[in-house]
């Protein structure tokens, strides 16, 4: 029996929460419901169709369908607050919200370097309030940050100034620090395994992009993320010469399906999301433990992304069939 199984057997504190989550799961939109949304004549009709759903309160206070970003963001804010009220371990929420903290660090560093106000790009979903982060960056008192964020800032600044002010290197560096945090900080094996899969998939997409741009040899050691089941070091040791060599690394893994559509990046993106969603659904029938709560959070996030995609399609008058092709459920 592995550590993950022991955690699931021993952690019986979530009986009430799982009852609530099961009821909420029945309200997640299926393909039939999404098809109804897609068939809306325009974005106004789509907003009307959402009025009798959990998203109704967020859209009823808008004055235009063009405010869909604001409505969906408010839905996400409330989603994270709700999940936070269900989870007993604050360190678990620190990981679930952590990626937004790293995102905000990147925005703040870029704003500081460019001497511009990037306030509109901040995410309100992190663990640290925006005004607190702004104060820390204004005073350059980075020691006030949690150690993992402090290390990310120092690494990002060093990467930028030691590589000829290359902002791309700053991005790579902070992304690597984030991957380390997501894959090592949590003591919940389900969440850690999810992020390890995410790192593996991100690295495959990064390899393909770099070869497409003919920059793999130049940027691989900076752009590849640590913490995956297939380590960054293992990938670099392979000394890949082209995308055709990827099968040497991945042909006996769950990621081999991604290599079947190697000529179509959009299909790879879709297959990658399907893999992650399948992993989340692996705990669909668990009756104890926090894992179904985590799974629901990510499934709801995917639902919100899908609604955003439909709004973009409707506002830009994209054909319904094309919008449907892009949905990942």
Foldseek 3Di string as FASTA:
>chain_A
DDPQVVQFVPFFPQQVVVVVLVVVVVQQDDLVLLLVLLPQLFLVSSLVSCCPGPLNVLSVPDDDSVCLVVSLLVVLQVLLVVLVVRDPDVLVSQLVQVVLVLVQLLQLVVCVVVVHDPPVPHRCSHPDGPVVVVVCSVVVVLVPDPPLVSVLNVQLVCQCVVVVNDSVLSVLSSVQSSLCCQQPRDPNPLSNLLSLLVLVLQLLLVCLVCVVVVCCVPCLVRNRHARHPCGSVNVVVVVDPHNVCVCVVPVPHPLVVLVVPSVDSLVSVLVSVLVSLVSLCVCVPRSRDCSVSVSSSVSVVLSSVLVVLSNVCRVVVNDSVVSSVNRHD
